[in-house]
Amino acid sequence: LIVDHGETYLSIYANNESLLKQVGDAVAAGDAIATTG
């Protein structure tokens, strides 16, 4: 899962068991976006 934070900054979350968000979803700081795996 990759999140765009603006100013061409990206955060990348890999090796997850499951993904809780889909492309286009807006997220806030601290939102659960995936589960570890």
All heavy atoms as atom14 arrays in JSON, in Angstrom:
{
  "sequence": "LIVDHGETYLSIYANNESLLKQVGDAVAAGDAIATTG",
  "atom14_mask": [
    [1, 1, 1, 1, 1, 1, 1, 1, 0, 0, 0, 0, 0, 0],
    [1, 1, 1, 1, 1, 1, 1, 1, 0, 0, 0, 0, 0, 0],
    [1, 1, 1, 1, 1, 1, 1, 0, 0, 0, 0, 0, 0, 0],
    [1, 1, 1, 1, 1, 1, 1, 1, 0, 0, 0, 0, 0, 0],
    [1, 1, 1, 1, 1, 1, 1, 1, 1, 1, 0, 0, 0, 0],
    [1, 1, 1, 1, 0, 0, 0, 0, 0, 0, 0, 0, 0, 0],
    [1, 1, 1, 1, 1, 1, 1, 1, 1, 0, 0, 0, 0, 0],
    [1, 1, 1, 1, 1, 1, 1, 0, 0, 0, 0, 0, 0, 0],
    [1, 1, 1, 1, 1, 1, 1, 1, 1, 1, 1, 1, 0, 0],
    [1, 1, 1, 1, 1, 1, 1, 1, 0, 0, 0, 0, 0, 0],
    [1, 1, 1, 1, 1, 1, 0, 0, 0, 0, 0, 0, 0, 0],
    [1, 1, 1, 1, 1, 1, 1, 1, 0, 0, 0, 0, 0, 0],
    [1, 1, 1, 1, 1, 1, 1, 1, 1, 1, 1, 1, 0, 0],
    [1, 1, 1, 1, 1, 0, 0, 0, 0, 0, 0, 0, 0, 0],
    [1, 1, 1, 1, 1, 1, 1, 1, 0, 0, 0, 0, 0, 0],
    [1, 1, 1, 1, 1, 1, 1, 1, 0, 0, 0, 0, 0, 0],
    [1, 1, 1, 1, 1, 1, 1, 1, 1, 0, 0, 0, 0, 0],
    [1, 1, 1, 1, 1, 1, 0, 0, 0, 0, 0, 0, 0, 0],
    [1, 1, 1, 1, 1, 1, 1, 1, 0, 0, 0, 0, 0, 0],
    [1, 1, 1, 1, 1, 1, 1, 1, 0, 0, 0, 0, 0, 0],
    [1, 1, 1, 1, 1, 1, 1, 1, 1, 0, 0, 0, 0, 0],
    [1, 1, 1, 1, 1, 1, 1, 1, 1, 0, 0, 0, 0, 0],
    [1, 1, 1, 1, 1, 1, 1, 0, 0, 0, 0, 0, 0, 0],
    [1, 1, 1, 1, 0, 0, 0, 0, 0, 0, 0, 0, 0, 0],
    [1, 1, 1, 1, 1, 1, 1, 1, 0, 0, 0, 0, 0, 0],
    [1, 1, 1, 1, 1, 0, 0, 0, 0, 0, 0, 0, 0, 0],
    [1, 1, 1, 1, 1, 1, 1, 0, 0, 0, 0, 0, 0, 0],
    [1, 1, 1, 1, 1, 0, 0, 0, 0, 0, 0, 0, 0, 0],
    [1, 1, 1, 1, 1, 0, 0, 0, 0, 0, 0, 0, 0, 0],
    [1, 1, 1, 1, 0, 0, 0, 0, 0, 0, 0, 0, 0, 0],
    [1, 1, 1, 1, 1, 1, 1, 1, 0, 0, 0, 0, 0, 0],
    [1, 1, 1, 1, 1, 0, 0, 0, 0, 0, 0, 0, 0, 0],
    [1, 1, 1, 1, 1, 1, 1, 1, 0, 0, 0, 0, 0, 0],
    [1, 1, 1, 1, 1, 0, 0, 0, 0, 0, 0, 0, 0, 0],
    [1, 1, 1, 1, 1, 1, 1, 0, 0, 0, 0, 0, 0, 0],
    [1, 1, 1, 1, 1, 1, 1, 0, 0, 0, 0, 0, 0, 0],
    [1, 1, 1, 1, 0, 0, 0, 0, 0, 0, 0, 0, 0, 0]
  ],
  "atom14_positions": [
    [[0.85, -1.19, 0.0], [0.0, 0.0, 0.0], [0.89, 1.24, 0.0], [1.86, 1.3, 0.75], [-0.93, 0.0, 1.22], [-2.02, 1.07, 1.25], [-3.33, 0.49, 1.76], [-1.59, 2.26, 2.11], [0.0, 0.0, 0.0], [0.0, 0.0, 0.0], [0.0, 0.0, 0.0], [0.0, 0.0, 0.0], [0.0, 0.0, 0.0], [0.0, 0.0, 0.0]],
    [[0.57, 2.21, -0.86], [1.36, 3.44, -0.97], [0.43, 4.62, -0.75], [-0.67, 4.69, -1.33], [2.02, 3.55, -2.36], [2.93, 2.34, -2.61], [2.82, 4.85, -2.47], [3.56, 2.31, -3.99], [0.0, 0.0, 0.0], [0.0, 0.0, 0.0], [0.0, 0.0, 0.0], [0.0, 0.0, 0.0], [0.0, 0.0, 0.0], [0.0, 0.0, 0.0]],
    [[0.87, 5.55, 0.1], [0.09, 6.74, 0.41], [0.85, 7.98, -0.07], [2.06, 8.11, 0.18], [-0.19, 6.85, 1.93], [-0.93, 8.14, 2.25], [-0.98, 5.65, 2.41], [0.0, 0.0, 0.0], [0.0, 0.0, 0.0], [0.0, 0.0, 0.0], [0.0, 0.0, 0.0], [0.0, 0.0, 0.0], [0.0, 0.0, 0.0], [0.0, 0.0, 0.0]],
    [[0.13, 8.86, -0.77], [0.69, 10.13, -1.23], [0.38, 11.19, -0.18], [-0.78, 11.4, 0.19], [0.07, 10.51, -2.58], [0.41, 11.94, -2.98], [1.51, 12.41, -2.61], [-0.42, 12.57, -3.66], [0.0, 0.0, 0.0], [0.0, 0.0, 0.0], [0.0, 0.0, 0.0], [0.0, 0.0, 0.0], [0.0, 0.0, 0.0], [0.0, 0.0, 0.0]],
    [[1.42, 11.88, 0.31], [1.26, 12.9, 1.34], [1.44, 14.31, 0.8], [1.49, 15.27, 1.57], [2.26, 12.67, 2.48], [2.11, 11.34, 3.14], [1.07, 11.03, 4.0], [2.87, 10.22, 3.06], [1.2, 9.79, 4.43], [2.29, 9.27, 3.88], [0.0, 0.0, 0.0], [0.0, 0.0, 0.0], [0.0, 0.0, 0.0], [0.0, 0.0, 0.0]],
    [[1.56, 14.44, -0.51], [1.79, 15.76, -1.09], [3.26, 16.12, -1.12], [4.1, 15.46, -0.49], [0.0, 0.0, 0.0], [0.0, 0.0, 0.0], [0.0, 0.0, 0.0], [0.0, 0.0, 0.0], [0.0, 0.0, 0.0], [0.0, 0.0, 0.0], [0.0, 0.0, 0.0], [0.0, 0.0, 0.0], [0.0, 0.0, 0.0], [0.0, 0.0, 0.0]],
    [[3.59, 17.13, -1.89], [4.97, 17.59, -2.05], [5.87, 16.46, -2.57], [7.06, 16.43, -2.27], [5.54, 18.12, -0.74], [4.83, 19.35, -0.18], [5.5, 19.85, 1.08], [5.32, 19.2, 2.14], [6.21, 20.85, 1.01], [0.0, 0.0, 0.0], [0.0, 0.0, 0.0], [0.0, 0.0, 0.0], [0.0, 0.0, 0.0], [0.0, 0.0, 0.0]],
    [[5.27, 15.53, -3.32], [5.97, 14.35, -3.88], [6.58, 13.45, -2.81], [7.58, 12.78, -3.04], [7.05, 14.77, -4.89], [8.08, 15.5, -4.21], [6.47, 15.61, -6.02], [0.0, 0.0, 0.0], [0.0, 0.0, 0.0], [0.0, 0.0, 0.0], [0.0, 0.0, 0.0], [0.0, 0.0, 0.0], [0.0, 0.0, 0.0], [0.0, 0.0, 0.0]],
    [[5.97, 13.46, -1.61], [6.37, 12.53, -0.55], [5.43, 11.32, -0.56], [4.19, 11.47, -0.64], [6.32, 13.2, 0.83], [7.48, 14.12, 1.11], [7.37, 15.49, 0.9], [8.67, 13.61, 1.62], [8.43, 16.34, 1.17], [9.75, 14.46, 1.89], [9.62, 15.81, 1.67], [10.67, 16.65, 1.94], [0.0, 0.0, 0.0], [0.0, 0.0, 0.0]],
    [[5.99, 10.13, -0.48], [5.22, 8.89, -0.44], [5.65, 8.06, 0.76], [6.83, 8.04, 1.13], [5.44, 8.07, -1.71], [5.07, 8.69, -3.05], [5.48, 7.76, -4.19], [3.58, 8.99, -3.12], [0.0, 0.0, 0.0], [0.0, 0.0, 0.0], [0.0, 0.0, 0.0], [0.0, 0.0, 0.0], [0.0, 0.0, 0.0], [0.0, 0.0, 0.0]],
    [[4.69, 7.38, 1.37], [5.01, 6.37, 2.39], [4.56, 5.02, 1.85], [3.49, 4.9, 1.24], [4.33, 6.68, 3.73], [2.92, 6.74, 3.58], [0.0, 0.0, 0.0], [0.0, 0.0, 0.0], [0.0, 0.0, 0.0], [0.0, 0.0, 0.0], [0.0, 0.0, 0.0], [0.0, 0.0, 0.0], [0.0, 0.0, 0.0], [0.0, 0.0, 0.0]],
    [[5.38, 3.98, 2.05], [5.18, 2.67, 1.44], [5.11, 1.63, 2.55], [6.02, 1.54, 3.4], [6.32, 2.36, 0.46], [6.38, 3.45, -0.62], [6.15, 0.99, -0.16], [7.61, 3.38, -1.49], [0.0, 0.0, 0.0], [0.0, 0.0, 0.0], [0.0, 0.0, 0.0], [0.0, 0.0, 0.0], [0.0, 0.0, 0.0], [0.0, 0.0, 0.0]],
    [[4.05, 0.81, 2.52], [3.81, -0.19, 3.55], [3.71, -1.56, 2.86], [2.79, -1.79, 2.05], [2.51, 0.1, 4.3], [2.38, 1.55, 4.75], [1.98, 2.54, 3.86], [2.66, 1.94, 6.06], [1.85, 3.86, 4.25], [2.54, 3.26, 6.47], [2.14, 4.22, 5.55], [2.02, 5.54, 5.94], [0.0, 0.0, 0.0], [0.0, 0.0, 0.0]],
    [[4.65, -2.47, 3.16], [4.71, -3.75, 2.44], [4.73, -4.92, 3.42], [4.9, -4.75, 4.63], [5.94, -3.79, 1.55], [0.0, 0.0, 0.0], [0.0, 0.0, 0.0], [0.0, 0.0, 0.0], [0.0, 0.0, 0.0], [0.0, 0.0, 0.0], [0.0, 0.0, 0.0], [0.0, 0.0, 0.0], [0.0, 0.0, 0.0], [0.0, 0.0, 0.0]],
    [[4.55, -6.12, 2.88], [4.58, -7.39, 3.63], [3.32, -7.58, 4.47], [3.29, -8.38, 5.4], [5.82, -7.45, 4.53], [6.21, -8.87, 4.9], [6.33, -9.73, 4.04], [6.41, -9.12, 6.19], [0.0, 0.0, 0.0], [0.0, 0.0, 0.0], [0.0, 0.0, 0.0], [0.0, 0.0, 0.0], [0.0, 0.0, 0.0], [0.0, 0.0, 0.0]],
    [[2.25, -6.84, 4.13], [1.03, -6.87, 4.94], [0.26, -8.17, 4.76], [0.28, -8.79, 3.68], [0.13, -5.69, 4.56], [0.81, -4.36, 4.8], [1.03, -3.97, 5.94], [1.14, -3.66, 3.73], [0.0, 0.0, 0.0], [0.0, 0.0, 0.0], [0.0, 0.0, 0.0], [0.0, 0.0, 0.0], [0.0, 0.0, 0.0], [0.0, 0.0, 0.0]],
    [[-0.46, -8.53, 5.81], [-1.38, -9.66, 5.71], [-2.61, -9.27, 4.9], [-3.08, -10.04, 4.05], [-1.79, -10.13, 7.11], [-2.8, -11.27, 7.1], [-3.36, -11.54, 8.49], [-3.43, -10.61, 9.3], [-3.73, -12.69, 8.74], [0.0, 0.0, 0.0], [0.0, 0.0, 0.0], [0.0, 0.0, 0.0], [0.0, 0.0, 0.0], [0.0, 0.0, 0.0]],
    [[-3.13, -8.09, 5.16], [-4.32, -7.62, 4.44], [-4.24, -6.11, 4.3], [-3.55, -5.41, 5.06], [-5.6, -8.02, 5.18], [-5.62, -7.44, 6.47], [0.0, 0.0, 0.0], [0.0, 0.0, 0.0], [0.0, 0.0, 0.0], [0.0, 0.0, 0.0], [0.0, 0.0, 0.0], [0.0, 0.0, 0.0], [0.0, 0.0, 0.0], [0.0, 0.0, 0.0]],
    [[-4.96, -5.6, 3.3], [-5.05, -4.17, 3.04], [-6.45, -3.69, 3.4], [-7.45, -4.31, 2.98], [-4.74, -3.87, 1.57], [-3.37, -4.35, 1.08], [-3.21, -4.06, -0.41], [-2.24, -3.72, 1.87], [0.0, 0.0, 0.0], [0.0, 0.0, 0.0], [0.0, 0.0, 0.0], [0.0, 0.0, 0.0], [0.0, 0.0, 0.0], [0.0, 0.0, 0.0]],
    [[-6.53, -2.61, 4.16], [-7.82, -2.12, 4.64], [-8.31, -0.91, 3.85], [-9.45, -0.46, 4.07], [-7.72, -1.75, 6.13], [-7.2, -2.86, 7.06], [-7.16, -2.37, 8.49], [-8.07, -4.1, 6.94], [0.0, 0.0, 0.0], [0.0, 0.0, 0.0], [0.0, 0.0, 0.0], [0.0, 0.0, 0.0], [0.0, 0.0, 0.0], [0.0, 0.0, 0.0]],
    [[-7.51, -0.39, 2.96], [-7.88, 0.77, 2.15], [-7.71, 0.44, 0.68], [-6.97, -0.48, 0.3], [-7.03, 1.99, 2.52], [-7.18, 2.46, 3.97], [-8.58, 3.0, 4.24], [-8.69, 3.52, 5.67], [-10.04, 4.07, 5.97], [0.0, 0.0, 0.0], [0.0, 0.0, 0.0], [0.0, 0.0, 0.0], [0.0, 0.0, 0.0], [0.0, 0.0, 0.0]],
    [[-8.37, 1.22, -0.15], [-8.3, 1.04, -1.59], [-7.76, 2.31, -2.24], [-7.7, 3.38, -1.61], [-9.7, 0.71, -2.16], [-10.28, -0.59, -1.63], [-11.66, -0.86, -2.18], [-12.24, -0.02, -2.89], [-12.2, -2.04, -1.89], [0.0, 0.0, 0.0], [0.0, 0.0, 0.0], [0.0, 0.0, 0.0], [0.0, 0.0, 0.0], [0.0, 0.0, 0.0]],
    [[-7.37, 2.18, -3.51], [-6.86, 3.33, -4.24], [-7.91, 4.43, -4.27], [-9.1, 4.18, -4.54], [-6.46, 2.92, -5.67], [-6.06, 4.15, -6.48], [-5.33, 1.91, -5.64], [0.0, 0.0, 0.0], [0.0, 0.0, 0.0], [0.0, 0.0, 0.0], [0.0, 0.0, 0.0], [0.0, 0.0, 0.0], [0.0, 0.0, 0.0], [0.0, 0.0, 0.0]],
    [[-7.48, 5.63, -3.94], [-8.39, 6.78, -3.93], [-8.89, 7.15, -2.56], [-9.4, 8.26, -2.36], [0.0, 0.0, 0.0], [0.0, 0.0, 0.0], [0.0, 0.0, 0.0], [0.0, 0.0, 0.0], [0.0, 0.0, 0.0], [0.0, 0.0, 0.0], [0.0, 0.0, 0.0], [0.0, 0.0, 0.0], [0.0, 0.0, 0.0], [0.0, 0.0, 0.0]],
    [[-8.76, 6.23, -1.59], [-9.24, 6.53, -0.24], [-8.34, 7.57, 0.42], [-7.11, 7.52, 0.34], [-9.25, 5.27, 0.62], [-10.33, 4.29, 0.23], [-11.2, 4.67, -0.57], [-10.28, 3.13, 0.7], [0.0, 0.0, 0.0], [0.0, 0.0, 0.0], [0.0, 0.0, 0.0], [0.0, 0.0, 0.0], [0.0, 0.0, 0.0], [0.0, 0.0, 0.0]],
    [[-9.0, 8.54, 1.09], [-8.26, 9.52, 1.89], [-8.03, 8.93, 3.27], [-8.89, 8.23, 3.82], [-9.04, 10.82, 1.98], [0.0, 0.0, 0.0], [0.0, 0.0, 0.0], [0.0, 0.0, 0.0], [0.0, 0.0, 0.0], [0.0, 0.0, 0.0], [0.0, 0.0, 0.0], [0.0, 0.0, 0.0], [0.0, 0.0, 0.0], [0.0, 0.0, 0.0]],
    [[-6.86, 9.17, 3.83], [-6.53, 8.65, 5.16], [-6.05, 9.8, 6.03], [-5.48, 10.79, 5.53], [-5.45, 7.56, 5.09], [-5.96, 6.37, 4.3], [-4.17, 8.09, 4.49], [0.0, 0.0, 0.0], [0.0, 0.0, 0.0], [0.0, 0.0, 0.0], [0.0, 0.0, 0.0], [0.0, 0.0, 0.0], [0.0, 0.0, 0.0], [0.0, 0.0, 0.0]],
    [[-6.3, 9.67, 7.33], [-5.79, 10.63, 8.31], [-4.65, 9.98, 9.08], [-4.49, 8.75, 9.06], [-6.91, 11.05, 9.26], [0.0, 0.0, 0.0], [0.0, 0.0, 0.0], [0.0, 0.0, 0.0], [0.0, 0.0, 0.0], [0.0, 0.0, 0.0], [0.0, 0.0, 0.0], [0.0, 0.0, 0.0], [0.0, 0.0, 0.0], [0.0, 0.0, 0.0]],
    [[-3.86, 10.8, 9.73], [-2.75, 10.27, 10.53], [-3.29, 9.34, 11.6], [-4.23, 9.68, 12.33], [-1.97, 11.41, 11.16], [0.0, 0.0, 0.0], [0.0, 0.0, 0.0], [0.0, 0.0, 0.0], [0.0, 0.0, 0.0], [0.0, 0.0, 0.0], [0.0, 0.0, 0.0], [0.0, 0.0, 0.0], [0.0, 0.0, 0.0], [0.0, 0.0, 0.0]],
    [[-2.75, 8.13, 11.66], [-3.17, 7.15, 12.65], [-4.25, 6.21, 12.19], [-4.6, 5.28, 12.92], [0.0, 0.0, 0.0], [0.0, 0.0, 0.0], [0.0, 0.0, 0.0], [0.0, 0.0, 0.0], [0.0, 0.0, 0.0], [0.0, 0.0, 0.0], [0.0, 0.0, 0.0], [0.0, 0.0, 0.0], [0.0, 0.0, 0.0], [0.0, 0.0, 0.0]],
    [[-4.82, 6.43, 10.98], [-5.83, 5.51, 10.48], [-5.21, 4.14, 10.21], [-4.09, 4.04, 9.69], [-6.43, 6.05, 9.18], [-7.45, 7.15, 9.42], [-7.75, 7.42, 10.6], [-7.93, 7.73, 8.43], [0.0, 0.0, 0.0], [0.0, 0.0, 0.0], [0.0, 0.0, 0.0], [0.0, 0.0, 0.0], [0.0, 0.0, 0.0], [0.0, 0.0, 0.0]],
    [[-5.96, 3.07, 10.55], [-5.51, 1.72, 10.22], [-5.69, 1.49, 8.72], [-6.81, 1.62, 8.21], [-6.28, 0.69, 11.02], [0.0, 0.0, 0.0], [0.0, 0.0, 0.0], [0.0, 0.0, 0.0], [0.0, 0.0, 0.0], [0.0, 0.0, 0.0], [0.0, 0.0, 0.0], [0.0, 0.0, 0.0], [0.0, 0.0, 0.0], [0.0, 0.0, 0.0]],
    [[-4.62, 1.19, 8.03], [-4.67, 1.02, 6.58], [-4.35, -0.4, 6.16], [-4.62, -0.78, 5.01], [-3.71, 2.0, 5.89], [-2.28, 1.81, 6.4], [-4.17, 3.44, 6.09], [-1.25, 2.7, 5.73], [0.0, 0.0, 0.0], [0.0, 0.0, 0.0], [0.0, 0.0, 0.0], [0.0, 0.0, 0.0], [0.0, 0.0, 0.0], [0.0, 0.0, 0.0]],
    [[-3.78, -1.22, 7.06], [-3.42, -2.6, 6.73], [-3.16, -3.35, 8.03], [-3.24, -2.77, 9.12], [-2.18, -2.64, 5.83], [0.0, 0.0, 0.0], [0.0, 0.0, 0.0], [0.0, 0.0, 0.0], [0.0, 0.0, 0.0], [0.0, 0.0, 0.0], [0.0, 0.0, 0.0], [0.0, 0.0, 0.0], [0.0, 0.0, 0.0], [0.0, 0.0, 0.0]],
    [[-2.88, -4.64, 7.91], [-2.48, -5.45, 9.07], [-1.18, -6.18, 8.74], [-0.94, -6.57, 7.6], [-3.56, -6.49, 9.44], [-3.8, -7.34, 8.32], [-4.85, -5.81, 9.86], [0.0, 0.0, 0.0], [0.0, 0.0, 0.0], [0.0, 0.0, 0.0], [0.0, 0.0, 0.0], [0.0, 0.0, 0.0], [0.0, 0.0, 0.0], [0.0, 0.0, 0.0]],
    [[-0.35, -6.36, 9.76], [0.97, -6.96, 9.55], [0.86, -8.43, 9.18], [-0.08, -9.12, 9.56], [1.83, -6.83, 10.82], [1.12, -7.42, 11.91], [2.14, -5.38, 11.11], [0.0, 0.0, 0.0], [0.0, 0.0, 0.0], [0.0, 0.0, 0.0], [0.0, 0.0, 0.0], [0.0, 0.0, 0.0], [0.0, 0.0, 0.0], [0.0, 0.0, 0.0]],
    [[1.87, -8.9, 8.42], [1.89, -10.3, 8.01], [3.25, -10.68, 7.45], [4.28, -10.11, 7.85], [0.0, 0.0, 0.0], [0.0, 0.0, 0.0], [0.0, 0.0, 0.0], [0.0, 0.0, 0.0], [0.0, 0.0, 0.0], [0.0, 0.0, 0.0], [0.0, 0.0, 0.0], [0.0, 0.0, 0.0], [0.0, 0.0, 0.0], [0.0, 0.0, 0.0]]
  ]
}
